[in-house]
Structures are given as structure tokens and as C-alpha cells.
Amino acid sequence: MKKIILIVIFSTCSLFFLTVFAIANDKPSPYEKIYPEIGYKTVVAASNDFEQHYKEKLELPLRVPPISFTHNFGRFNDLEGDNNDSFELVYINDHASENHYKIDIRPIKAKIPKRKKYVLNTYELKNGNEATFMRISGFNVLVFERGKWQYMLSIDKRVSDKVTPEILMEIANSIDYPNKKMDRNFCN
């Protein structure tokens, strides 16, 4: 009888320690591994894919939200036909899941329609175009058109006290700064 009790206790303890060890070592893969596995790459590589596909220069905002990010990745989605092709730029923080910012860009001819039930406000960009501020599935989203593209700037709503609609507007307006080549004398 003592042997059976000892075997049961030993088995239970062994199972407990193996479970604790497995849970302690069951860390999620780092973003550097996860994102490339689902098609993300460097922003430069993804934007080059987009530009080669559309044979047009991609203009991205010069500004980012005033929160910290540890990683950024880009992805060009080249799906069947042109209707679902898009460029994604993702900024994330592996220490703060709420620091999640995304830019989606697609051709206007395949734009995502804005549903009135999500619209919170509209604004006017410096170039005169309208920008629509919406809340969709836990994200605050600023949607606007520029040139041939529809842009969607999305930020996790948990940081809405730090990234306001006005800040998203500043980010959107930063696309329109002239792309001048740097004067070499300025750099010296």
C-alpha cells in the first residue's frame, strides 16, 4: 500500500514539475520571427514591392504617433486581381500591446467604403481633402484619399488619450510636405 501511495505522489509531483517547466519555457516567438512568417518584411522591401506592382512612388507619412514602438514591418498584399491589393505598415511594441499603429494604403478604385455608423467626425486636411475619423473594432481610424490612394491610419483606442484625432491629422498632413532633395551644403 505504501508503494502505491509513493508512486502516486511521485507521479503527481513529476507531472506538476513538468507542467510548470513547460509553461515557464512556453514563451511566444519574438516578433522578428512571427511577422515574417505571415508575409511581413522590412518597410523598404514591402514599399518597393508596392511601387513595382503599381509603377508609382509610394508616399508615406513622415510622422508617427508620439508613443514608443519596438518594431515596424511592412507587407504588400498582392492578391488575385487588384481589388484586394494593399500595402500595410505596422508599428508595434512588444512591451506594450496597446502601442499598435497601422497604415493601410490601397487604390481609390478599390477603396474600402466608410460606413456612417462608425464615423465620429470629419476634418479637412491641409491639401483640402476630407479626412474621416472613425472607431472600428477597438481602433481609432483616420481615412483619407491622396492622389490615387486611400490611406487608413489606425491606432489602438487604448492610447486615444495620447494619440488624438488631431495628432492623426498631423500625421496625415505630413505626407504633403515637399519631397525635396537635401542640399549638400545643408548637411555639412
C-alpha atoms as a PDB file:
ATOM      1  CA  MET A   1       0.000   0.000   0.000  1.00  0.00           C
ATOM      2  CA  LYS A   2       2.856   2.380   0.872  1.00  0.00           C
ATOM      3  CA  LYS A   3       4.450   1.688  -2.521  1.00  0.00           C
ATOM      4  CA  ILE A   4       1.246   2.626  -4.345  1.00  0.00           C
ATOM      5  CA  ILE A   5       0.893   5.856  -2.368  1.00  0.00           C
ATOM      6  CA  LEU A   6       4.556   6.722  -3.017  1.00  0.00           C
ATOM      7  CA  ILE A   7       4.138   6.012  -6.745  1.00  0.00           C
ATOM      8  CA  VAL A   8       1.010   8.209  -6.914  1.00  0.00           C
ATOM      9  CA  ILE A   9       2.755  11.035  -5.012  1.00  0.00           C
ATOM     10  CA  PHE A  10       5.878  10.735  -7.164  1.00  0.00           C
ATOM     11  CA  SER A  11       3.816  10.694 -10.378  1.00  0.00           C
ATOM     12  CA  THR A  12       1.775  13.714  -9.279  1.00  0.00           C
ATOM     13  CA  CYS A  13       4.884  15.683  -8.304  1.00  0.00           C
ATOM     14  CA  SER A  14       6.641  14.772 -11.548  1.00  0.00           C
ATOM     15  CA  LEU A  15       3.632  15.813 -13.585  1.00  0.00           C
ATOM     16  CA  PHE A  16       3.386  19.100 -11.660  1.00  0.00           C
ATOM     17  CA  PHE A  17       7.080  19.969 -12.184  1.00  0.00           C
ATOM     18  CA  LEU A  18       6.961  19.050 -15.870  1.00  0.00           C
ATOM     19  CA  THR A  19       3.867  21.234 -16.335  1.00  0.00           C
ATOM     20  CA  VAL A  20       5.473  24.183 -14.542  1.00  0.00           C
ATOM     21  CA  PHE A  21       8.672  23.764 -16.581  1.00  0.00           C
ATOM     22  CA  ALA A  22       6.719  23.585 -19.851  1.00  0.00           C
ATOM     23  CA  ILE A  23       4.680  26.691 -19.005  1.00  0.00           C
ATOM     24  CA  ALA A  24       7.793  28.625 -17.929  1.00  0.00           C
ATOM     25  CA  ASN A  25       9.548  27.787 -21.196  1.00  0.00           C
ATOM     26  CA  ASP A  26       6.479  28.320 -23.399  1.00  0.00           C
ATOM     27  CA  LYS A  27       7.390  31.877 -24.425  1.00  0.00           C
ATOM     28  CA  PRO A  28       5.796  33.332 -27.535  1.00  0.00           C
ATOM     29  CA  SER A  29       8.038  33.659 -30.558  1.00  0.00           C
ATOM     30  CA  PRO A  30       9.574  37.085 -30.954  1.00  0.00           C
ATOM     31  CA  TYR A  31       8.013  39.446 -33.464  1.00  0.00           C
ATOM     32  CA  GLU A  32      11.133  39.099 -35.627  1.00  0.00           C
ATOM     33  CA  LYS A  33      10.050  35.507 -36.266  1.00  0.00           C
ATOM     34  CA  ILE A  34       6.245  35.744 -36.211  1.00  0.00           C
ATOM     35  CA  TYR A  35       5.740  38.654 -38.612  1.00  0.00           C
ATOM     36  CA  PRO A  36       7.989  37.361 -41.433  1.00  0.00           C
ATOM     37  CA  GLU A  37       6.192  34.002 -41.205  1.00  0.00           C
ATOM     38  CA  ILE A  38       2.931  35.757 -42.162  1.00  0.00           C
ATOM     39  CA  GLY A  39       4.414  37.754 -45.041  1.00  0.00           C
ATOM     40  CA  TYR A  40       5.785  40.883 -43.398  1.00  0.00           C
ATOM     41  CA  LYS A  41       9.238  42.188 -44.239  1.00  0.00           C
ATOM     42  CA  THR A  42      11.127  45.442 -43.911  1.00  0.00           C
ATOM     43  CA  VAL A  43       9.171  48.567 -44.752  1.00  0.00           C
ATOM     44  CA  VAL A  44      11.604  49.384 -47.569  1.00  0.00           C
ATOM     45  CA  ALA A  45      11.270  45.942 -49.156  1.00  0.00           C
ATOM     46  CA  ALA A  46       7.460  45.976 -48.895  1.00  0.00           C
ATOM     47  CA  SER A  47       7.186  49.519 -50.271  1.00  0.00           C
ATOM     48  CA  ASN A  48       9.455  48.535 -53.175  1.00  0.00           C
ATOM     49  CA  ASP A  49       7.094  45.627 -53.937  1.00  0.00           C
ATOM     50  CA  PHE A  50       4.140  48.043 -53.909  1.00  0.00           C
ATOM     51  CA  GLU A  51       5.907  50.576 -56.163  1.00  0.00           C
ATOM     52  CA  GLN A  52       6.980  47.894 -58.651  1.00  0.00           C
ATOM     53  CA  HIS A  53       3.442  46.493 -58.798  1.00  0.00           C
ATOM     54  CA  TYR A  54       1.755  49.859 -59.362  1.00  0.00           C
ATOM     55  CA  LYS A  55       4.708  51.535 -61.115  1.00  0.00           C
ATOM     56  CA  GLU A  56       4.215  54.569 -58.941  1.00  0.00           C
ATOM     57  CA  LYS A  57       6.032  56.078 -55.967  1.00  0.00           C
ATOM     58  CA  LEU A  58       4.539  55.355 -52.561  1.00  0.00           C
ATOM     59  CA  GLU A  59       4.413  58.329 -50.225  1.00  0.00           C
ATOM     60  CA  LEU A  60       4.259  57.592 -46.533  1.00  0.00           C
ATOM     61  CA  PRO A  61       3.710  59.980 -43.630  1.00  0.00           C
ATOM     62  CA  LEU A  62       6.875  61.475 -42.203  1.00  0.00           C
ATOM     63  CA  ARG A  63       5.464  61.437 -38.681  1.00  0.00           C
ATOM     64  CA  VAL A  64       4.419  58.637 -36.338  1.00  0.00           C
ATOM     65  CA  PRO A  65       2.308  58.737 -33.183  1.00  0.00           C
ATOM     66  CA  PRO A  66       4.104  60.049 -30.064  1.00  0.00           C
ATOM     67  CA  ILE A  67       4.236  56.663 -28.336  1.00  0.00           C
ATOM     68  CA  SER A  68       7.045  54.113 -28.236  1.00  0.00           C
ATOM     69  CA  PHE A  69       7.408  51.267 -30.701  1.00  0.00           C
ATOM     70  CA  THR A  70       9.922  48.432 -30.701  1.00  0.00           C
ATOM     71  CA  HIS A  71       9.245  47.073 -34.203  1.00  0.00           C
ATOM     72  CA  ASN A  72       7.881  48.046 -37.583  1.00  0.00           C
ATOM     73  CA  PHE A  73       7.093  45.811 -40.520  1.00  0.00           C
ATOM     74  CA  GLY A  74       5.654  46.243 -43.984  1.00  0.00           C
ATOM     75  CA  ARG A  75       3.698  43.955 -46.254  1.00  0.00           C
ATOM     76  CA  PHE A  76       2.419  44.266 -49.792  1.00  0.00           C
ATOM     77  CA  ASN A  77      -0.649  42.095 -50.299  1.00  0.00           C
ATOM     78  CA  ASP A  78      -0.718  41.103 -53.965  1.00  0.00           C
ATOM     79  CA  LEU A  79      -3.853  39.028 -54.166  1.00  0.00           C
ATOM     80  CA  GLU A  80      -5.794  37.830 -57.189  1.00  0.00           C
ATOM     81  CA  GLY A  81      -6.863  40.879 -59.202  1.00  0.00           C
ATOM     82  CA  ASP A  82      -6.267  44.433 -57.993  1.00  0.00           C
ATOM     83  CA  ASN A  83      -9.323  44.885 -55.749  1.00  0.00           C
ATOM     84  CA  ASN A  84      -7.688  43.421 -52.651  1.00  0.00           C
ATOM     85  CA  ASP A  85      -4.104  44.560 -53.239  1.00  0.00           C
ATOM     86  CA  SER A  86      -2.842  46.803 -50.464  1.00  0.00           C
ATOM     87  CA  PHE A  87       0.204  47.981 -48.556  1.00  0.00           C
ATOM     88  CA  GLU A  88       0.386  47.613 -44.774  1.00  0.00           C
ATOM     89  CA  LEU A  89       2.810  49.267 -42.401  1.00  0.00           C
ATOM     90  CA  VAL A  90       2.625  48.080 -38.795  1.00  0.00           C
ATOM     91  CA  TYR A  91       4.261  49.634 -35.731  1.00  0.00           C
ATOM     92  CA  ILE A  92       4.141  47.562 -32.541  1.00  0.00           C
ATOM     93  CA  ASN A  93       5.675  47.453 -29.084  1.00  0.00           C
ATOM     94  CA  ASP A  94       6.470  44.069 -27.592  1.00  0.00           C
ATOM     95  CA  HIS A  95       6.297  45.558 -24.073  1.00  0.00           C
ATOM     96  CA  ALA A  96       3.030  47.486 -24.501  1.00  0.00           C
ATOM     97  CA  SER A  97       0.365  45.779 -26.620  1.00  0.00           C
ATOM     98  CA  GLU A  98      -1.720  48.963 -26.718  1.00  0.00           C
ATOM     99  CA  ASN A  99       1.051  50.693 -28.710  1.00  0.00           C
ATOM    100  CA  HIS A 100      -0.194  49.352 -32.018  1.00  0.00           C
ATOM    101  CA  TYR A 101      -0.351  51.624 -35.076  1.00  0.00           C
ATOM    102  CA  LYS A 102      -1.080  50.615 -38.647  1.00  0.00           C
ATOM    103  CA  ILE A 103      -1.196  52.297 -42.040  1.00  0.00           C
ATOM    104  CA  ASP A 104      -3.179  50.651 -44.849  1.00  0.00           C
ATOM    105  CA  ILE A 105      -2.929  52.005 -48.391  1.00  0.00           C
ATOM    106  CA  ARG A 106      -4.963  50.808 -51.356  1.00  0.00           C
ATOM    107  CA  PRO A 107      -6.026  52.199 -54.738  1.00  0.00           C
ATOM    108  CA  ILE A 108      -9.044  54.521 -54.615  1.00  0.00           C
ATOM    109  CA  LYS A 109     -10.725  52.361 -57.268  1.00  0.00           C
ATOM    110  CA  ALA A 110     -10.703  49.536 -54.688  1.00  0.00           C
ATOM    111  CA  LYS A 111     -11.215  51.656 -51.582  1.00  0.00           C
ATOM    112  CA  ILE A 112     -12.969  50.412 -48.507  1.00  0.00           C
ATOM    113  CA  PRO A 113     -16.293  52.214 -48.119  1.00  0.00           C
ATOM    114  CA  LYS A 114     -16.875  54.267 -44.962  1.00  0.00           C
ATOM    115  CA  ARG A 115     -19.915  53.150 -43.012  1.00  0.00           C
ATOM    116  CA  LYS A 116     -21.767  56.015 -41.341  1.00  0.00           C
ATOM    117  CA  LYS A 117     -22.335  54.089 -38.117  1.00  0.00           C
ATOM    118  CA  TYR A 118     -18.573  54.156 -37.412  1.00  0.00           C
ATOM    119  CA  VAL A 119     -17.986  57.836 -38.287  1.00  0.00           C
ATOM    120  CA  LEU A 120     -17.259  60.104 -35.320  1.00  0.00           C
ATOM    121  CA  ASN A 121     -16.102  63.263 -37.116  1.00  0.00           C
ATOM    122  CA  THR A 122     -14.751  64.709 -40.349  1.00  0.00           C
ATOM    123  CA  TYR A 123     -11.789  67.043 -40.787  1.00  0.00           C
ATOM    124  CA  GLU A 124     -10.125  68.935 -43.602  1.00  0.00           C
ATOM    125  CA  LEU A 125      -6.506  68.174 -44.466  1.00  0.00           C
ATOM    126  CA  LYS A 126      -4.087  70.958 -45.446  1.00  0.00           C
ATOM    127  CA  ASN A 127      -4.428  69.923 -49.106  1.00  0.00           C
ATOM    128  CA  GLY A 128      -8.211  70.454 -48.898  1.00  0.00           C
ATOM    129  CA  ASN A 129      -9.160  66.767 -48.898  1.00  0.00           C
ATOM    130  CA  GLU A 130     -11.591  65.428 -46.340  1.00  0.00           C
ATOM    131  CA  ALA A 131     -10.465  63.026 -43.622  1.00  0.00           C
ATOM    132  CA  THR A 132     -12.968  60.868 -41.767  1.00  0.00           C
ATOM    133  CA  PHE A 133     -12.358  59.834 -38.165  1.00  0.00           C
ATOM    134  CA  MET A 134     -13.991  56.529 -37.186  1.00  0.00           C
ATOM    135  CA  ARG A 135     -13.921  53.917 -34.433  1.00  0.00           C
ATOM    136  CA  ILE A 136     -13.804  50.355 -35.766  1.00  0.00           C
ATOM    137  CA  SER A 137     -13.237  47.216 -33.675  1.00  0.00           C
ATOM    138  CA  GLY A 138     -11.161  48.790 -30.922  1.00  0.00           C
ATOM    139  CA  PHE A 139      -9.212  51.087 -33.232  1.00  0.00           C
ATOM    140  CA  ASN A 140      -9.485  54.777 -33.966  1.00  0.00           C
ATOM    141  CA  VAL A 141      -9.109  55.176 -37.716  1.00  0.00           C
ATOM    142  CA  LEU A 142      -8.470  58.232 -39.874  1.00  0.00           C
ATOM    143  CA  VAL A 143      -9.379  57.612 -43.536  1.00  0.00           C
ATOM    144  CA  PHE A 144      -8.481  59.970 -46.349  1.00  0.00           C
ATOM    145  CA  GLU A 145      -7.572  59.998 -50.021  1.00  0.00           C
ATOM    146  CA  ARG A 146      -4.458  61.421 -51.566  1.00  0.00           C
ATOM    147  CA  GLY A 147      -3.580  61.082 -55.241  1.00  0.00           C
ATOM    148  CA  LYS A 148      -4.666  57.622 -56.408  1.00  0.00           C
ATOM    149  CA  TRP A 149      -4.674  56.105 -52.914  1.00  0.00           C
ATOM    150  CA  GLN A 150      -6.902  55.624 -49.922  1.00  0.00           C
ATOM    151  CA  TYR A 151      -4.989  55.839 -46.635  1.00  0.00           C
ATOM    152  CA  MET A 152      -6.208  54.403 -43.334  1.00  0.00           C
ATOM    153  CA  LEU A 153      -4.266  55.351 -40.203  1.00  0.00           C
ATOM    154  CA  SER A 154      -5.333  53.069 -37.330  1.00  0.00           C
ATOM    155  CA  ILE A 155      -4.350  53.358 -33.678  1.00  0.00           C
ATOM    156  CA  ASP A 156      -5.410  51.189 -30.751  1.00  0.00           C
ATOM    157  CA  LYS A 157      -8.142  53.087 -28.883  1.00  0.00           C
ATOM    158  CA  ARG A 158      -6.428  52.316 -25.555  1.00  0.00           C
ATOM    159  CA  VAL A 159      -3.933  55.090 -26.356  1.00  0.00           C
ATOM    160  CA  SER A 160      -6.560  57.604 -27.505  1.00  0.00           C
ATOM    161  CA  ASP A 161      -5.551  59.962 -24.688  1.00  0.00           C
ATOM    162  CA  LYS A 162      -2.051  60.179 -26.241  1.00  0.00           C
ATOM    163  CA  VAL A 163      -2.955  59.836 -29.932  1.00  0.00           C
ATOM    164  CA  THR A 164      -5.886  62.136 -30.588  1.00  0.00           C
ATOM    165  CA  PRO A 165      -7.656  62.745 -33.905  1.00  0.00           C
ATOM    166  CA  GLU A 166      -5.632  65.969 -34.164  1.00  0.00           C
ATOM    167  CA  ILE A 167      -2.378  64.006 -33.938  1.00  0.00           C
ATOM    168  CA  LEU A 168      -3.609  61.609 -36.617  1.00  0.00           C
ATOM    169  CA  MET A 169      -4.364  64.689 -38.742  1.00  0.00           C
ATOM    170  CA  GLU A 170      -0.788  65.934 -38.226  1.00  0.00           C
ATOM    171  CA  ILE A 171       0.480  62.540 -39.342  1.00  0.00           C
ATOM    172  CA  ALA A 172      -1.776  62.602 -42.420  1.00  0.00           C
ATOM    173  CA  ASN A 173      -0.667  66.138 -43.269  1.00  0.00           C
ATOM    174  CA  SER A 174       2.995  65.112 -43.041  1.00  0.00           C
ATOM    175  CA  ILE A 175       2.599  63.250 -46.348  1.00  0.00           C
ATOM    176  CA  ASP A 176       2.144  66.557 -48.136  1.00  0.00           C
ATOM    177  CA  TYR A 177       5.488  68.037 -47.183  1.00  0.00           C
ATOM    178  CA  PRO A 178       7.516  68.525 -50.357  1.00  0.00           C
ATOM    179  CA  ASN A 179       9.947  65.740 -51.144  1.00  0.00           C
ATOM    180  CA  LYS A 180      12.922  67.981 -51.799  1.00  0.00           C
ATOM    181  CA  LYS A 181      16.373  66.588 -52.203  1.00  0.00           C
ATOM    182  CA  MET A 182      18.657  67.697 -49.407  1.00  0.00           C
ATOM    183  CA  ASP A 183      21.032  70.485 -50.233  1.00  0.00           C
ATOM    184  CA  ARG A 184      24.543  69.125 -49.769  1.00  0.00           C
ATOM    185  CA  ASN A 185      25.645  72.395 -48.161  1.00  0.00           C
ATOM    186  CA  PHE A 186      22.918  71.948 -45.561  1.00  0.00           C
ATOM    187  CA  CYS A 187      24.405  68.612 -44.476  1.00  0.00           C
ATOM    188  CA  ASN A 188      27.931  69.984 -43.991  1.00  0.00           C
END
